[in-house]
Amino acid sequence: MPKQEHLKLPAILEELAMSRSAFYRMVSRGQGPKLLKLPNGHIRVRRIDLDAWWAGLEQDAA
């Protein structure tokens, strides 16, 4: 089984071309990808969750 990729917040923001504050506003409204909060407070997003979220946006726009 391949290892799951976990993206750090800066990589997520770069991929989305979004500011940190805009990202957190979107997440607080329940419109963002599923987040993983590590015990140290850092945020990660599984690549598979981000890709599924992107696919959902594409379907909503169609």
N, C-alpha and C. Protein backbone atom coordinates (compact mmCIF):
# COMPACT_ATOMS: atom_id res chain seq x y z
N MET A 1 0.85 -1.19 0.00
CA MET A 1 0.00 0.00 0.00
C MET A 1 0.89 1.25 0.00
N PRO A 2 0.68 2.17 -0.96
CA PRO A 2 1.52 3.37 -1.00
C PRO A 2 1.24 4.30 0.17
N LYS A 3 2.30 4.99 0.59
CA LYS A 3 2.17 5.93 1.69
C LYS A 3 1.35 7.14 1.24
N GLN A 4 0.44 7.58 2.10
CA GLN A 4 -0.39 8.75 1.79
C GLN A 4 0.44 10.02 1.94
N GLU A 5 0.26 10.93 1.00
CA GLU A 5 0.94 12.21 1.08
C GLU A 5 0.12 13.15 1.96
N HIS A 6 0.78 13.79 2.90
CA HIS A 6 0.15 14.78 3.78
C HIS A 6 0.76 16.14 3.47
N LEU A 7 -0.06 17.06 3.00
CA LEU A 7 0.43 18.37 2.58
C LEU A 7 0.44 19.35 3.75
N LYS A 8 1.49 20.14 3.81
CA LYS A 8 1.59 21.21 4.81
C LYS A 8 0.81 22.42 4.31
N LEU A 9 0.41 23.28 5.22
CA LEU A 9 -0.41 24.44 4.88
C LEU A 9 0.21 25.32 3.79
N PRO A 10 1.52 25.65 3.84
CA PRO A 10 2.06 26.49 2.76
C PRO A 10 1.90 25.87 1.37
N ALA A 11 2.06 24.55 1.27
CA ALA A 11 1.89 23.88 -0.02
C ALA A 11 0.43 23.93 -0.48
N ILE A 12 -0.49 23.80 0.46
CA ILE A 12 -1.92 23.86 0.15
C ILE A 12 -2.27 25.26 -0.35
N LEU A 13 -1.80 26.28 0.36
CA LEU A 13 -2.09 27.66 -0.01
C LEU A 13 -1.51 27.99 -1.38
N GLU A 14 -0.33 27.48 -1.67
CA GLU A 14 0.29 27.73 -2.98
C GLU A 14 -0.54 27.06 -4.08
N GLU A 15 -0.94 25.82 -3.85
CA GLU A 15 -1.73 25.10 -4.86
C GLU A 15 -3.07 25.78 -5.11
N LEU A 16 -3.68 26.30 -4.06
CA LEU A 16 -4.98 26.96 -4.19
C LEU A 16 -4.84 28.42 -4.62
N ALA A 17 -3.62 28.96 -4.60
CA ALA A 17 -3.37 30.37 -4.88
C ALA A 17 -4.27 31.23 -3.99
N MET A 18 -4.18 30.96 -2.68
CA MET A 18 -5.07 31.57 -1.70
C MET A 18 -4.27 32.03 -0.49
N SER A 19 -4.71 33.11 0.13
CA SER A 19 -4.06 33.57 1.35
C SER A 19 -4.48 32.69 2.52
N ARG A 20 -3.67 32.72 3.55
CA ARG A 20 -3.97 31.94 4.77
C ARG A 20 -5.32 32.36 5.36
N SER A 21 -5.58 33.67 5.43
CA SER A 21 -6.83 34.14 6.03
C SER A 21 -8.04 33.73 5.20
N ALA A 22 -7.92 33.81 3.88
CA ALA A 22 -9.04 33.39 3.01
C ALA A 22 -9.29 31.89 3.16
N PHE A 23 -8.20 31.12 3.28
CA PHE A 23 -8.34 29.67 3.45
C PHE A 23 -9.08 29.35 4.74
N TYR A 24 -8.68 29.98 5.83
CA TYR A 24 -9.33 29.71 7.12
C TYR A 24 -10.78 30.19 7.14
N ARG A 25 -11.10 31.28 6.43
CA ARG A 25 -12.51 31.71 6.32
C ARG A 25 -13.33 30.64 5.60
N MET A 26 -12.79 30.13 4.52
CA MET A 26 -13.48 29.09 3.75
C MET A 26 -13.69 27.84 4.61
N VAL A 27 -12.67 27.44 5.32
CA VAL A 27 -12.76 26.26 6.18
C VAL A 27 -13.79 26.48 7.30
N SER A 28 -13.80 27.67 7.88
CA SER A 28 -14.74 27.95 8.98
C SER A 28 -16.19 27.90 8.50
N ARG A 29 -16.41 28.16 7.21
CA ARG A 29 -17.75 28.07 6.63
C ARG A 29 -18.09 26.66 6.18
N GLY A 30 -17.17 25.72 6.40
CA GLY A 30 -17.39 24.33 6.01
C GLY A 30 -17.24 24.09 4.52
N GLN A 31 -16.49 24.96 3.84
CA GLN A 31 -16.36 24.86 2.39
C GLN A 31 -14.97 24.41 1.94
N GLY A 32 -14.13 24.05 2.87
CA GLY A 32 -12.76 23.68 2.52
C GLY A 32 -12.55 22.18 2.57
N PRO A 33 -11.34 21.76 2.23
CA PRO A 33 -11.00 20.33 2.31
C PRO A 33 -10.91 19.88 3.76
N LYS A 34 -10.98 18.58 3.96
CA LYS A 34 -10.88 18.02 5.31
C LYS A 34 -9.46 18.24 5.85
N LEU A 35 -9.38 18.79 7.04
CA LEU A 35 -8.09 19.09 7.67
C LEU A 35 -7.74 18.05 8.73
N LEU A 36 -6.46 17.83 8.89
CA LEU A 36 -5.94 17.03 10.00
C LEU A 36 -5.16 17.98 10.89
N LYS A 37 -5.51 18.04 12.15
CA LYS A 37 -4.76 18.89 13.09
C LYS A 37 -3.88 17.99 13.93
N LEU A 38 -2.60 18.20 13.83
CA LEU A 38 -1.63 17.40 14.57
C LEU A 38 -1.57 17.85 16.03
N PRO A 39 -1.06 17.00 16.92
CA PRO A 39 -0.97 17.38 18.34
C PRO A 39 -0.19 18.67 18.58
N ASN A 40 0.75 19.00 17.70
CA ASN A 40 1.52 20.23 17.87
C ASN A 40 0.80 21.45 17.30
N GLY A 41 -0.43 21.25 16.80
CA GLY A 41 -1.23 22.36 16.28
C GLY A 41 -1.07 22.60 14.79
N HIS A 42 -0.12 21.93 14.16
CA HIS A 42 0.08 22.11 12.73
C HIS A 42 -1.06 21.46 11.95
N ILE A 43 -1.32 21.99 10.76
CA ILE A 43 -2.39 21.51 9.91
C ILE A 43 -1.81 20.71 8.75
N ARG A 44 -2.46 19.63 8.41
CA ARG A 44 -2.12 18.84 7.23
C ARG A 44 -3.41 18.50 6.50
N VAL A 45 -3.27 18.28 5.20
CA VAL A 45 -4.39 17.79 4.38
C VAL A 45 -3.86 16.62 3.57
N ARG A 46 -4.59 15.52 3.61
CA ARG A 46 -4.19 14.37 2.79
C ARG A 46 -4.39 14.74 1.32
N ARG A 47 -3.45 14.34 0.49
CA ARG A 47 -3.54 14.60 -0.95
C ARG A 47 -4.86 14.08 -1.50
N ILE A 48 -5.26 12.91 -1.08
CA ILE A 48 -6.50 12.31 -1.57
C ILE A 48 -7.72 13.16 -1.19
N ASP A 49 -7.70 13.75 0.01
CA ASP A 49 -8.81 14.62 0.44
C ASP A 49 -8.84 15.92 -0.36
N LEU A 50 -7.66 16.49 -0.64
CA LEU A 50 -7.61 17.72 -1.42
C LEU A 50 -8.08 17.47 -2.85
N ASP A 51 -7.64 16.36 -3.44
CA ASP A 51 -8.07 16.03 -4.80
C ASP A 51 -9.58 15.79 -4.86
N ALA A 52 -10.14 15.12 -3.85
CA ALA A 52 -11.59 14.88 -3.82
C ALA A 52 -12.35 16.20 -3.67
N TRP A 53 -11.82 17.11 -2.87
CA TRP A 53 -12.45 18.41 -2.68
C TRP A 53 -12.45 19.18 -4.00
N TRP A 54 -11.29 19.18 -4.71
CA TRP A 54 -11.20 19.84 -6.02
C TRP A 54 -12.23 19.24 -6.98
N ALA A 55 -12.33 17.91 -7.01
CA ALA A 55 -13.27 17.24 -7.91
C ALA A 55 -14.71 17.65 -7.59
N GLY A 56 -15.02 17.78 -6.31
CA GLY A 56 -16.36 18.23 -5.91
C GLY A 56 -16.66 19.63 -6.39
N LEU A 57 -15.67 20.51 -6.36
CA LEU A 57 -15.87 21.87 -6.86
C LEU A 57 -16.13 21.87 -8.36
N GLU A 58 -15.42 21.01 -9.09
CA GLU A 58 -15.60 20.90 -10.53
C GLU A 58 -17.01 20.40 -10.85
N GLN A 59 -17.50 19.44 -10.08
CA GLN A 59 -18.84 18.91 -10.31
C GLN A 59 -19.90 19.96 -10.01
N ASP A 60 -19.70 20.76 -8.95
CA ASP A 60 -20.65 21.81 -8.59
C ASP A 60 -20.72 22.88 -9.67
N ALA A 61 -19.59 23.13 -10.35
CA ALA A 61 -19.55 24.17 -11.36
C ALA A 61 -20.17 23.71 -12.69
N ALA A 62 -20.28 22.41 -12.87
CA ALA A 62 -20.80 21.88 -14.15
C ALA A 62 -22.30 22.00 -14.24
